[in-house]
Each structure stands twice: as structure tokens, then as C-alpha cells.
Amino acid sequence: GGGLVQAGGSLRLSCIASGSIRRINTMGWYRQAPGNQRELVAGITSS
């Protein structure tokens, strides 16, 4: 779902798992920009 977009625009990223995620409590999105450490963007629990 990534790509090139103008400032102010929108994108929707998808993460597809090979197996079930129903039993996984927390899934997260992280990002890493050039020269930076990987950082947490968002997390979501099973609830």
C-alpha cells in the first residue's frame, strides 16, 4: 500500500499475515526514515 503521495494526501497500508492473528494480542506499525531509528507508529490489541 505504500507509494508516492503529495503532502496532505492519504494512503492505506495493509499487513497480511500468513496465519491467524486472532490469538495475537498486539500488532503494531513501525517506521524507519533514513538516518533514524525504527520507531513505533501505532499499536492495536485484540480487543
All heavy atoms as atom14 arrays in JSON, in Angstrom:
{
  "sequence": "GGGLVQAGGSLRLSCIASGSIRRINTMGWYRQAPGNQRELVAGITSS",
  "atom14_mask": [
    [1, 1, 1, 1, 0, 0, 0, 0, 0, 0, 0, 0, 0, 0],
    [1, 1, 1, 1, 0, 0, 0, 0, 0, 0, 0, 0, 0, 0],
    [1, 1, 1, 1, 0, 0, 0, 0, 0, 0, 0, 0, 0, 0],
    [1, 1, 1, 1, 1, 1, 1, 1, 0, 0, 0, 0, 0, 0],
    [1, 1, 1, 1, 1, 1, 1, 0, 0, 0, 0, 0, 0, 0],
    [1, 1, 1, 1, 1, 1, 1, 1, 1, 0, 0, 0, 0, 0],
    [1, 1, 1, 1, 1, 0, 0, 0, 0, 0, 0, 0, 0, 0],
    [1, 1, 1, 1, 0, 0, 0, 0, 0, 0, 0, 0, 0, 0],
    [1, 1, 1, 1, 0, 0, 0, 0, 0, 0, 0, 0, 0, 0],
    [1, 1, 1, 1, 1, 1, 0, 0, 0, 0, 0, 0, 0, 0],
    [1, 1, 1, 1, 1, 1, 1, 1, 0, 0, 0, 0, 0, 0],
    [1, 1, 1, 1, 1, 1, 1, 1, 1, 1, 1, 0, 0, 0],
    [1, 1, 1, 1, 1, 1, 1, 1, 0, 0, 0, 0, 0, 0],
    [1, 1, 1, 1, 1, 1, 0, 0, 0, 0, 0, 0, 0, 0],
    [1, 1, 1, 1, 1, 1, 0, 0, 0, 0, 0, 0, 0, 0],
    [1, 1, 1, 1, 1, 1, 1, 1, 0, 0, 0, 0, 0, 0],
    [1, 1, 1, 1, 1, 0, 0, 0, 0, 0, 0, 0, 0, 0],
    [1, 1, 1, 1, 1, 1, 0, 0, 0, 0, 0, 0, 0, 0],
    [1, 1, 1, 1, 0, 0, 0, 0, 0, 0, 0, 0, 0, 0],
    [1, 1, 1, 1, 1, 1, 0, 0, 0, 0, 0, 0, 0, 0],
    [1, 1, 1, 1, 1, 1, 1, 1, 0, 0, 0, 0, 0, 0],
    [1, 1, 1, 1, 1, 1, 1, 1, 1, 1, 1, 0, 0, 0],
    [1, 1, 1, 1, 1, 1, 1, 1, 1, 1, 1, 0, 0, 0],
    [1, 1, 1, 1, 1, 1, 1, 1, 0, 0, 0, 0, 0, 0],
    [1, 1, 1, 1, 1, 1, 1, 1, 0, 0, 0, 0, 0, 0],
    [1, 1, 1, 1, 1, 1, 1, 0, 0, 0, 0, 0, 0, 0],
    [1, 1, 1, 1, 1, 1, 1, 1, 0, 0, 0, 0, 0, 0],
    [1, 1, 1, 1, 0, 0, 0, 0, 0, 0, 0, 0, 0, 0],
    [1, 1, 1, 1, 1, 1, 1, 1, 1, 1, 1, 1, 1, 1],
    [1, 1, 1, 1, 1, 1, 1, 1, 1, 1, 1, 1, 0, 0],
    [1, 1, 1, 1, 1, 1, 1, 1, 1, 1, 1, 0, 0, 0],
    [1, 1, 1, 1, 1, 1, 1, 1, 1, 0, 0, 0, 0, 0],
    [1, 1, 1, 1, 1, 0, 0, 0, 0, 0, 0, 0, 0, 0],
    [1, 1, 1, 1, 1, 1, 1, 0, 0, 0, 0, 0, 0, 0],
    [1, 1, 1, 1, 0, 0, 0, 0, 0, 0, 0, 0, 0, 0],
    [1, 1, 1, 1, 1, 1, 1, 1, 0, 0, 0, 0, 0, 0],
    [1, 1, 1, 1, 1, 1, 1, 1, 1, 0, 0, 0, 0, 0],
    [1, 1, 1, 1, 1, 1, 1, 1, 1, 1, 1, 0, 0, 0],
    [1, 1, 1, 1, 1, 1, 1, 1, 1, 0, 0, 0, 0, 0],
    [1, 1, 1, 1, 1, 1, 1, 1, 0, 0, 0, 0, 0, 0],
    [1, 1, 1, 1, 1, 1, 1, 0, 0, 0, 0, 0, 0, 0],
    [1, 1, 1, 1, 1, 0, 0, 0, 0, 0, 0, 0, 0, 0],
    [1, 1, 1, 1, 0, 0, 0, 0, 0, 0, 0, 0, 0, 0],
    [1, 1, 1, 1, 1, 1, 1, 1, 0, 0, 0, 0, 0, 0],
    [1, 1, 1, 1, 1, 1, 1, 0, 0, 0, 0, 0, 0, 0],
    [1, 1, 1, 1, 1, 1, 0, 0, 0, 0, 0, 0, 0, 0],
    [1, 1, 1, 1, 1, 1, 0, 0, 0, 0, 0, 0, 0, 0]
  ],
  "atom14_positions": [
    [[0.78, -1.23, 0.0], [0.0, 0.0, 0.0], [0.81, 1.27, 0.0], [0.24, 2.36, -0.11], [0.0, 0.0, 0.0], [0.0, 0.0, 0.0], [0.0, 0.0, 0.0], [0.0, 0.0, 0.0], [0.0, 0.0, 0.0], [0.0, 0.0, 0.0], [0.0, 0.0, 0.0], [0.0, 0.0, 0.0], [0.0, 0.0, 0.0], [0.0, 0.0, 0.0]],
    [[2.12, 1.17, 0.12], [2.95, 2.35, 0.1], [3.02, 2.95, -1.29], [2.57, 2.36, -2.27], [0.0, 0.0, 0.0], [0.0, 0.0, 0.0], [0.0, 0.0, 0.0], [0.0, 0.0, 0.0], [0.0, 0.0, 0.0], [0.0, 0.0, 0.0], [0.0, 0.0, 0.0], [0.0, 0.0, 0.0], [0.0, 0.0, 0.0], [0.0, 0.0, 0.0]],
    [[3.59, 4.13, -1.36], [3.73, 4.8, -2.63], [4.15, 6.24, -2.46], [4.55, 6.67, -1.38], [0.0, 0.0, 0.0], [0.0, 0.0, 0.0], [0.0, 0.0, 0.0], [0.0, 0.0, 0.0], [0.0, 0.0, 0.0], [0.0, 0.0, 0.0], [0.0, 0.0, 0.0], [0.0, 0.0, 0.0], [0.0, 0.0, 0.0], [0.0, 0.0, 0.0]],
    [[4.06, 6.99, -3.55], [4.41, 8.4, -3.57], [3.13, 9.23, -3.53], [2.22, 9.0, -4.33], [5.22, 8.73, -4.82], [5.58, 10.19, -5.06], [6.48, 10.71, -3.95], [6.25, 10.34, -6.42], [0.0, 0.0, 0.0], [0.0, 0.0, 0.0], [0.0, 0.0, 0.0], [0.0, 0.0, 0.0], [0.0, 0.0, 0.0], [0.0, 0.0, 0.0]],
    [[3.08, 10.18, -2.61], [1.89, 10.99, -2.45], [2.28, 12.42, -2.11], [3.33, 12.66, -1.5], [0.95, 10.4, -1.37], [1.62, 10.45, 0.0], [-0.39, 11.09, -1.35], [0.0, 0.0, 0.0], [0.0, 0.0, 0.0], [0.0, 0.0, 0.0], [0.0, 0.0, 0.0], [0.0, 0.0, 0.0], [0.0, 0.0, 0.0], [0.0, 0.0, 0.0]],
    [[1.45, 13.37, -2.51], [1.67, 14.77, -2.17], [1.32, 15.03, -0.72], [0.46, 14.35, -0.14], [0.83, 15.68, -3.06], [1.23, 15.69, -4.53], [2.44, 16.55, -4.79], [2.78, 17.41, -3.99], [3.09, 16.34, -5.92], [0.0, 0.0, 0.0], [0.0, 0.0, 0.0], [0.0, 0.0, 0.0], [0.0, 0.0, 0.0], [0.0, 0.0, 0.0]],
    [[1.97, 16.01, -0.11], [1.62, 16.42, 1.24], [0.13, 16.73, 1.33], [-0.43, 17.38, 0.44], [2.45, 17.63, 1.66], [0.0, 0.0, 0.0], [0.0, 0.0, 0.0], [0.0, 0.0, 0.0], [0.0, 0.0, 0.0], [0.0, 0.0, 0.0], [0.0, 0.0, 0.0], [0.0, 0.0, 0.0], [0.0, 0.0, 0.0], [0.0, 0.0, 0.0]],
    [[-0.49, 16.25, 2.39], [-1.92, 16.42, 2.56], [-2.74, 15.26, 2.04], [-3.94, 15.18, 2.32], [0.0, 0.0, 0.0], [0.0, 0.0, 0.0], [0.0, 0.0, 0.0], [0.0, 0.0, 0.0], [0.0, 0.0, 0.0], [0.0, 0.0, 0.0], [0.0, 0.0, 0.0], [0.0, 0.0, 0.0], [0.0, 0.0, 0.0], [0.0, 0.0, 0.0]],
    [[-2.1, 14.37, 1.32], [-2.79, 13.22, 0.76], [-2.93, 12.08, 1.74], [-2.54, 12.18, 2.91], [0.0, 0.0, 0.0], [0.0, 0.0, 0.0], [0.0, 0.0, 0.0], [0.0, 0.0, 0.0], [0.0, 0.0, 0.0], [0.0, 0.0, 0.0], [0.0, 0.0, 0.0], [0.0, 0.0, 0.0], [0.0, 0.0, 0.0], [0.0, 0.0, 0.0]],
    [[-3.46, 10.97, 1.26], [-3.74, 9.81, 2.1], [-3.25, 8.52, 1.46], [-3.18, 8.4, 0.24], [-5.24, 9.69, 2.36], [-5.76, 10.81, 3.05], [0.0, 0.0, 0.0], [0.0, 0.0, 0.0], [0.0, 0.0, 0.0], [0.0, 0.0, 0.0], [0.0, 0.0, 0.0], [0.0, 0.0, 0.0], [0.0, 0.0, 0.0], [0.0, 0.0, 0.0]],
    [[-2.93, 7.57, 2.3], [-2.6, 6.22, 1.89], [-3.15, 5.25, 2.92], [-3.29, 5.61, 4.1], [-1.09, 6.0, 1.77], [-0.34, 6.64, 0.6], [1.15, 6.46, 0.81], [-0.78, 6.02, -0.71], [0.0, 0.0, 0.0], [0.0, 0.0, 0.0], [0.0, 0.0, 0.0], [0.0, 0.0, 0.0], [0.0, 0.0, 0.0], [0.0, 0.0, 0.0]],
    [[-3.45, 4.04, 2.5], [-3.82, 2.99, 3.43], [-2.88, 1.81, 3.25], [-2.82, 1.21, 2.17], [-5.26, 2.54, 3.25], [-5.69, 1.55, 4.35], [-7.17, 1.35, 4.43], [-7.63, 0.18, 3.69], [-8.67, -0.56, 4.05], [-9.37, -0.25, 5.14], [-9.03, -1.59, 3.32], [0.0, 0.0, 0.0], [0.0, 0.0, 0.0], [0.0, 0.0, 0.0]],
    [[-2.17, 1.48, 4.3], [-1.26, 0.36, 4.29], [-1.97, -0.9, 4.79], [-2.81, -0.83, 5.68], [-0.04, 0.63, 5.17], [0.73, 1.92, 4.89], [1.95, 1.98, 5.79], [1.12, 2.02, 3.43], [0.0, 0.0, 0.0], [0.0, 0.0, 0.0], [0.0, 0.0, 0.0], [0.0, 0.0, 0.0], [0.0, 0.0, 0.0], [0.0, 0.0, 0.0]],
    [[-1.6, -2.03, 4.22], [-2.14, -3.3, 4.65], [-1.02, -4.24, 5.06], [0.05, -4.24, 4.46], [-2.94, -3.96, 3.52], [-4.06, -3.18, 3.15], [0.0, 0.0, 0.0], [0.0, 0.0, 0.0], [0.0, 0.0, 0.0], [0.0, 0.0, 0.0], [0.0, 0.0, 0.0], [0.0, 0.0, 0.0], [0.0, 0.0, 0.0], [0.0, 0.0, 0.0]],
    [[-1.27, -5.02, 6.07], [-0.34, -6.04, 6.54], [-1.09, -7.36, 6.58], [-1.99, -7.53, 7.41], [0.2, -5.67, 7.92], [1.15, -6.96, 8.75], [0.0, 0.0, 0.0], [0.0, 0.0, 0.0], [0.0, 0.0, 0.0], [0.0, 0.0, 0.0], [0.0, 0.0, 0.0], [0.0, 0.0, 0.0], [0.0, 0.0, 0.0], [0.0, 0.0, 0.0]],
    [[-0.74, -8.27, 5.69], [-1.42, -9.54, 5.6], [-0.56, -10.63, 6.23], [0.6, -10.8, 5.86], [-1.74, -9.9, 4.14], [-2.6, -8.81, 3.5], [-2.46, -11.24, 4.06], [-2.85, -9.02, 2.02], [0.0, 0.0, 0.0], [0.0, 0.0, 0.0], [0.0, 0.0, 0.0], [0.0, 0.0, 0.0], [0.0, 0.0, 0.0], [0.0, 0.0, 0.0]],
    [[-1.14, -11.35, 7.16], [-0.43, -12.42, 7.85], [-0.67, -13.75, 7.18], [-1.75, -14.02, 6.65], [-0.88, -12.49, 9.31], [0.0, 0.0, 0.0], [0.0, 0.0, 0.0], [0.0, 0.0, 0.0], [0.0, 0.0, 0.0], [0.0, 0.0, 0.0], [0.0, 0.0, 0.0], [0.0, 0.0, 0.0], [0.0, 0.0, 0.0], [0.0, 0.0, 0.0]],
    [[0.35, -14.6, 7.2], [0.24, -15.92, 6.6], [-0.66, -16.84, 7.41], [-1.21, -17.8, 6.87], [1.63, -16.55, 6.45], [2.25, -16.71, 7.71], [0.0, 0.0, 0.0], [0.0, 0.0, 0.0], [0.0, 0.0, 0.0], [0.0, 0.0, 0.0], [0.0, 0.0, 0.0], [0.0, 0.0, 0.0], [0.0, 0.0, 0.0], [0.0, 0.0, 0.0]],
    [[-0.79, -16.55, 8.7], [-1.62, -17.34, 9.58], [-2.58, -16.45, 10.36], [-2.63, -15.24, 10.16], [0.0, 0.0, 0.0], [0.0, 0.0, 0.0], [0.0, 0.0, 0.0], [0.0, 0.0, 0.0], [0.0, 0.0, 0.0], [0.0, 0.0, 0.0], [0.0, 0.0, 0.0], [0.0, 0.0, 0.0], [0.0, 0.0, 0.0], [0.0, 0.0, 0.0]],
    [[-3.31, -17.07, 11.25], [-4.3, -16.35, 12.04], [-3.64, -15.36, 12.99], [-2.62, -15.65, 13.61], [-5.15, -17.34, 12.83], [-6.05, -16.67, 13.68], [0.0, 0.0, 0.0], [0.0, 0.0, 0.0], [0.0, 0.0, 0.0], [0.0, 0.0, 0.0], [0.0, 0.0, 0.0], [0.0, 0.0, 0.0], [0.0, 0.0, 0.0], [0.0, 0.0, 0.0]],
    [[-4.26, -14.19, 13.12], [-3.8, -13.21, 14.1], [-4.78, -13.08, 15.26], [-4.61, -12.23, 16.13], [-3.58, -11.82, 13.46], [-4.89, -11.25, 12.92], [-2.52, -11.89, 12.37], [-4.79, -9.79, 12.49], [0.0, 0.0, 0.0], [0.0, 0.0, 0.0], [0.0, 0.0, 0.0], [0.0, 0.0, 0.0], [0.0, 0.0, 0.0], [0.0, 0.0, 0.0]],
    [[-5.78, -13.93, 15.27], [-6.82, -13.83, 16.3], [-6.27, -14.03, 17.7], [-6.8, -13.46, 18.66], [-7.92, -14.85, 16.02], [-8.84, -14.48, 14.87], [-9.81, -15.58, 14.54], [-9.13, -16.75, 13.96], [-9.76, -17.84, 13.54], [-11.07, -17.94, 13.66], [-9.07, -18.84, 13.02], [0.0, 0.0, 0.0], [0.0, 0.0, 0.0], [0.0, 0.0, 0.0]],
    [[-5.22, -14.82, 17.83], [-4.63, -15.1, 19.14], [-3.47, -14.17, 19.48], [-2.88, -14.3, 20.55], [-4.17, -16.55, 19.22], [-5.31, -17.55, 19.07], [-4.82, -18.97, 19.26], [-5.87, -19.94, 19.04], [-6.76, -20.31, 19.95], [-6.7, -19.8, 21.17], [-7.7, -21.19, 19.66], [0.0, 0.0, 0.0], [0.0, 0.0, 0.0], [0.0, 0.0, 0.0]],
    [[-3.15, -13.27, 18.58], [-2.08, -12.32, 18.82], [-2.65, -11.08, 19.5], [-3.51, -10.41, 18.95], [-1.38, -11.92, 17.51], [-0.77, -13.16, 16.85], [-0.31, -10.86, 17.77], [-0.17, -12.9, 15.49], [0.0, 0.0, 0.0], [0.0, 0.0, 0.0], [0.0, 0.0, 0.0], [0.0, 0.0, 0.0], [0.0, 0.0, 0.0], [0.0, 0.0, 0.0]],
    [[-2.15, -10.8, 20.69], [-2.71, -9.7, 21.46], [-2.49, -8.35, 20.79], [-3.42, -7.56, 20.63], [-2.14, -9.68, 22.87], [-2.79, -8.6, 23.73], [-4.0, -8.41, 23.7], [-1.97, -7.9, 24.51], [0.0, 0.0, 0.0], [0.0, 0.0, 0.0], [0.0, 0.0, 0.0], [0.0, 0.0, 0.0], [0.0, 0.0, 0.0], [0.0, 0.0, 0.0]],
    [[-1.23, -8.08, 20.42], [-0.91, -6.76, 19.9], [-0.17, -6.82, 18.57], [0.81, -7.55, 18.43], [-0.05, -5.98, 20.92], [-0.72, -5.96, 22.18], [0.17, -4.55, 20.44], [0.0, 0.0, 0.0], [0.0, 0.0, 0.0], [0.0, 0.0, 0.0], [0.0, 0.0, 0.0], [0.0, 0.0, 0.0], [0.0, 0.0, 0.0], [0.0, 0.0, 0.0]],
    [[-0.66, -6.05, 17.61], [0.01, -5.85, 16.34], [0.42, -4.39, 16.26], [-0.27, -3.52, 16.8], [-0.9, -6.19, 15.17], [-1.38, -7.63, 15.14], [-0.04, -8.8, 14.77], [0.4, -8.3, 13.1], [0.0, 0.0, 0.0], [0.0, 0.0, 0.0], [0.0, 0.0, 0.0], [0.0, 0.0, 0.0], [0.0, 0.0, 0.0], [0.0, 0.0, 0.0]],
    [[1.51, -4.14, 15.58], [1.99, -2.77, 15.51], [2.51, -2.39, 14.14], [2.91, -3.25, 13.35], [0.0, 0.0, 0.0], [0.0, 0.0, 0.0], [0.0, 0.0, 0.0], [0.0, 0.0, 0.0], [0.0, 0.0, 0.0], [0.0, 0.0, 0.0], [0.0, 0.0, 0.0], [0.0, 0.0, 0.0], [0.0, 0.0, 0.0], [0.0, 0.0, 0.0]],
    [[2.47, -1.1, 13.88], [3.13, -0.5, 12.72], [4.3, 0.34, 13.21], [4.17, 1.11, 14.16], [2.17, 0.38, 11.93], [1.23, -0.36, 11.03], [-0.06, -0.69, 11.28], [1.52, -0.86, 9.72], [-0.61, -1.36, 10.22], [0.34, -1.48, 9.24], [2.65, -0.84, 8.9], [0.26, -2.08, 7.99], [2.57, -1.44, 7.65], [1.4, -2.05, 7.21]],
    [[5.42, 0.17, 12.55], [6.64, 0.91, 12.84], [7.12, 1.56, 11.56], [6.7, 1.19, 10.46], [7.72, -0.01, 13.39], [7.38, -0.66, 14.72], [6.46, -1.7, 14.78], [7.97, -0.23, 15.9], [6.14, -2.29, 15.99], [7.65, -0.81, 17.11], [6.74, -1.85, 17.15], [6.42, -2.43, 18.35], [0.0, 0.0, 0.0], [0.0, 0.0, 0.0]],
    [[8.02, 2.52, 11.7], [8.61, 3.13, 10.51], [10.06, 3.49, 10.77], [10.47, 3.7, 11.91], [7.83, 4.36, 10.06], [7.9, 5.55, 11.01], [6.99, 6.66, 10.53], [7.05, 7.84, 11.39], [6.25, 8.89, 11.29], [5.3, 8.91, 10.34], [6.38, 9.92, 12.11], [0.0, 0.0, 0.0], [0.0, 0.0, 0.0], [0.0, 0.0, 0.0]],
    [[10.81, 3.55, 9.69], [12.21, 3.93, 9.78], [12.55, 4.84, 8.61], [12.46, 4.44, 7.45], [13.11, 2.7, 9.77], [14.57, 3.01, 10.02], [15.38, 1.78, 10.34], [14.96, 0.66, 10.05], [16.54, 1.97, 10.94], [0.0, 0.0, 0.0], [0.0, 0.0, 0.0], [0.0, 0.0, 0.0], [0.0, 0.0, 0.0], [0.0, 0.0, 0.0]],
    [[12.93, 6.06, 8.94], [13.35, 7.03, 7.95], [14.87, 7.0, 7.84], [15.55, 6.58, 8.78], [12.88, 8.43, 8.34], [0.0, 0.0, 0.0], [0.0, 0.0, 0.0], [0.0, 0.0, 0.0], [0.0, 0.0, 0.0], [0.0, 0.0, 0.0], [0.0, 0.0, 0.0], [0.0, 0.0, 0.0], [0.0, 0.0, 0.0], [0.0, 0.0, 0.0]],
    [[15.42, 7.44, 6.72], [16.87, 7.45, 6.56], [17.56, 8.19, 7.69], [17.2, 9.32, 8.02], [17.07, 8.16, 5.22], [15.81, 7.89, 4.47], [14.73, 7.92, 5.51], [0.0, 0.0, 0.0], [0.0, 0.0, 0.0], [0.0, 0.0, 0.0], [0.0, 0.0, 0.0], [0.0, 0.0, 0.0], [0.0, 0.0, 0.0], [0.0, 0.0, 0.0]],
    [[18.56, 7.56, 8.29], [19.31, 8.17, 9.37], [18.66, 8.09, 10.73], [19.24, 8.56, 11.71], [0.0, 0.0, 0.0], [0.0, 0.0, 0.0], [0.0, 0.0, 0.0], [0.0, 0.0, 0.0], [0.0, 0.0, 0.0], [0.0, 0.0, 0.0], [0.0, 0.0, 0.0], [0.0, 0.0, 0.0], [0.0, 0.0, 0.0], [0.0, 0.0, 0.0]],
    [[17.46, 7.53, 10.81], [16.74, 7.45, 12.07], [16.58, 6.0, 12.53], [16.7, 5.06, 11.74], [15.36, 8.09, 11.94], [15.42, 9.59, 11.72], [16.37, 10.24, 12.14], [14.4, 10.13, 11.07], [0.0, 0.0, 0.0], [0.0, 0.0, 0.0], [0.0, 0.0, 0.0], [0.0, 0.0, 0.0], [0.0, 0.0, 0.0], [0.0, 0.0, 0.0]],
    [[16.28, 5.84, 13.81], [15.96, 4.54, 14.35], [14.53, 4.16, 13.98], [13.69, 5.02, 13.71], [16.12, 4.53, 15.87], [17.54, 4.73, 16.36], [17.63, 4.66, 17.87], [16.73, 5.12, 18.57], [18.71, 4.1, 18.36], [0.0, 0.0, 0.0], [0.0, 0.0, 0.0], [0.0, 0.0, 0.0], [0.0, 0.0, 0.0], [0.0, 0.0, 0.0]],
    [[14.27, 2.87, 13.98], [12.91, 2.41, 13.77], [12.06, 2.8, 14.97], [12.46, 2.58, 16.12], [12.89, 0.9, 13.56], [11.56, 0.35, 13.07], [11.68, -1.12, 12.66], [12.62, -1.29, 11.55], [12.84, -2.45, 10.94], [12.18, -3.54, 11.32], [13.71, -2.52, 9.94], [0.0, 0.0, 0.0], [0.0, 0.0, 0.0], [0.0, 0.0, 0.0]],
    [[10.9, 3.37, 14.71], [10.05, 3.87, 15.78], [8.63, 3.33, 15.65], [8.15, 3.05, 14.56], [10.02, 5.4, 15.78], [9.41, 6.0, 14.52], [9.31, 7.52, 14.56], [9.54, 8.11, 15.63], [9.0, 8.12, 13.51], [0.0, 0.0, 0.0], [0.0, 0.0, 0.0], [0.0, 0.0, 0.0], [0.0, 0.0, 0.0], [0.0, 0.0, 0.0]],
    [[7.98, 3.23, 16.79], [6.59, 2.8, 16.82], [5.7, 3.91, 16.28], [5.81, 5.06, 16.68], [6.17, 2.45, 18.25], [4.69, 2.12, 18.45], [4.34, 0.8, 17.77], [4.36, 2.06, 19.93], [0.0, 0.0, 0.0], [0.0, 0.0, 0.0], [0.0, 0.0, 0.0], [0.0, 0.0, 0.0], [0.0, 0.0, 0.0], [0.0, 0.0, 0.0]],
    [[4.8, 3.54, 15.39], [3.81, 4.47, 14.85], [2.47, 4.27, 15.53], [1.84, 5.22, 15.99], [3.66, 4.3, 13.33], [2.55, 5.21, 12.79], [4.97, 4.6, 12.62], [0.0, 0.0, 0.0], [0.0, 0.0, 0.0], [0.0, 0.0, 0.0], [0.0, 0.0, 0.0], [0.0, 0.0, 0.0], [0.0, 0.0, 0.0], [0.0, 0.0, 0.0]],
    [[2.02, 3.02, 15.59], [0.73, 2.71, 16.17], [0.68, 1.25, 16.58], [1.33, 0.41, 15.97], [-0.4, 3.02, 15.19], [0.0, 0.0, 0.0], [0.0, 0.0, 0.0], [0.0, 0.0, 0.0], [0.0, 0.0, 0.0], [0.0, 0.0, 0.0], [0.0, 0.0, 0.0], [0.0, 0.0, 0.0], [0.0, 0.0, 0.0], [0.0, 0.0, 0.0]],
    [[-0.12, 0.96, 17.6], [-0.33, -0.41, 18.03], [-1.8, -0.65, 18.29], [-2.55, 0.28, 18.6], [0.0, 0.0, 0.0], [0.0, 0.0, 0.0], [0.0, 0.0, 0.0], [0.0, 0.0, 0.0], [0.0, 0.0, 0.0], [0.0, 0.0, 0.0], [0.0, 0.0, 0.0], [0.0, 0.0, 0.0], [0.0, 0.0, 0.0], [0.0, 0.0, 0.0]],
    [[-2.21, -1.91, 18.16], [-3.6, -2.27, 18.4], [-3.67, -3.64, 19.06], [-2.97, -4.57, 18.66], [-4.43, -2.24, 17.1], [-5.91, -2.51, 17.39], [-3.87, -3.21, 16.06], [-6.82, -2.2, 16.21], [0.0, 0.0, 0.0], [0.0, 0.0, 0.0], [0.0, 0.0, 0.0], [0.0, 0.0, 0.0], [0.0, 0.0, 0.0], [0.0, 0.0, 0.0]],
    [[-4.49, -3.76, 20.09], [-4.67, -5.02, 20.79], [-5.82, -5.81, 20.18], [-6.57, -5.32, 19.34], [-4.96, -4.8, 22.28], [-6.27, -4.21, 22.42], [-3.93, -3.89, 22.91], [0.0, 0.0, 0.0], [0.0, 0.0, 0.0], [0.0, 0.0, 0.0], [0.0, 0.0, 0.0], [0.0, 0.0, 0.0], [0.0, 0.0, 0.0], [0.0, 0.0, 0.0]],
    [[-5.96, -7.05, 20.63], [-7.03, -7.91, 20.13], [-8.41, -7.37, 20.48], [-9.39, -7.67, 19.79], [-6.87, -9.32, 20.66], [-6.9, -9.34, 22.07], [0.0, 0.0, 0.0], [0.0, 0.0, 0.0], [0.0, 0.0, 0.0], [0.0, 0.0, 0.0], [0.0, 0.0, 0.0], [0.0, 0.0, 0.0], [0.0, 0.0, 0.0], [0.0, 0.0, 0.0]],
    [[-8.49, -6.58, 21.54], [-9.75, -6.0, 21.95], [-10.05, -4.67, 21.27], [-11.12, -4.1, 21.47], [-9.79, -5.81, 23.47], [-8.81, -4.89, 23.89], [0.0, 0.0, 0.0], [0.0, 0.0, 0.0], [0.0, 0.0, 0.0], [0.0, 0.0, 0.0], [0.0, 0.0, 0.0], [0.0, 0.0, 0.0], [0.0, 0.0, 0.0], [0.0, 0.0, 0.0]]
  ]
}
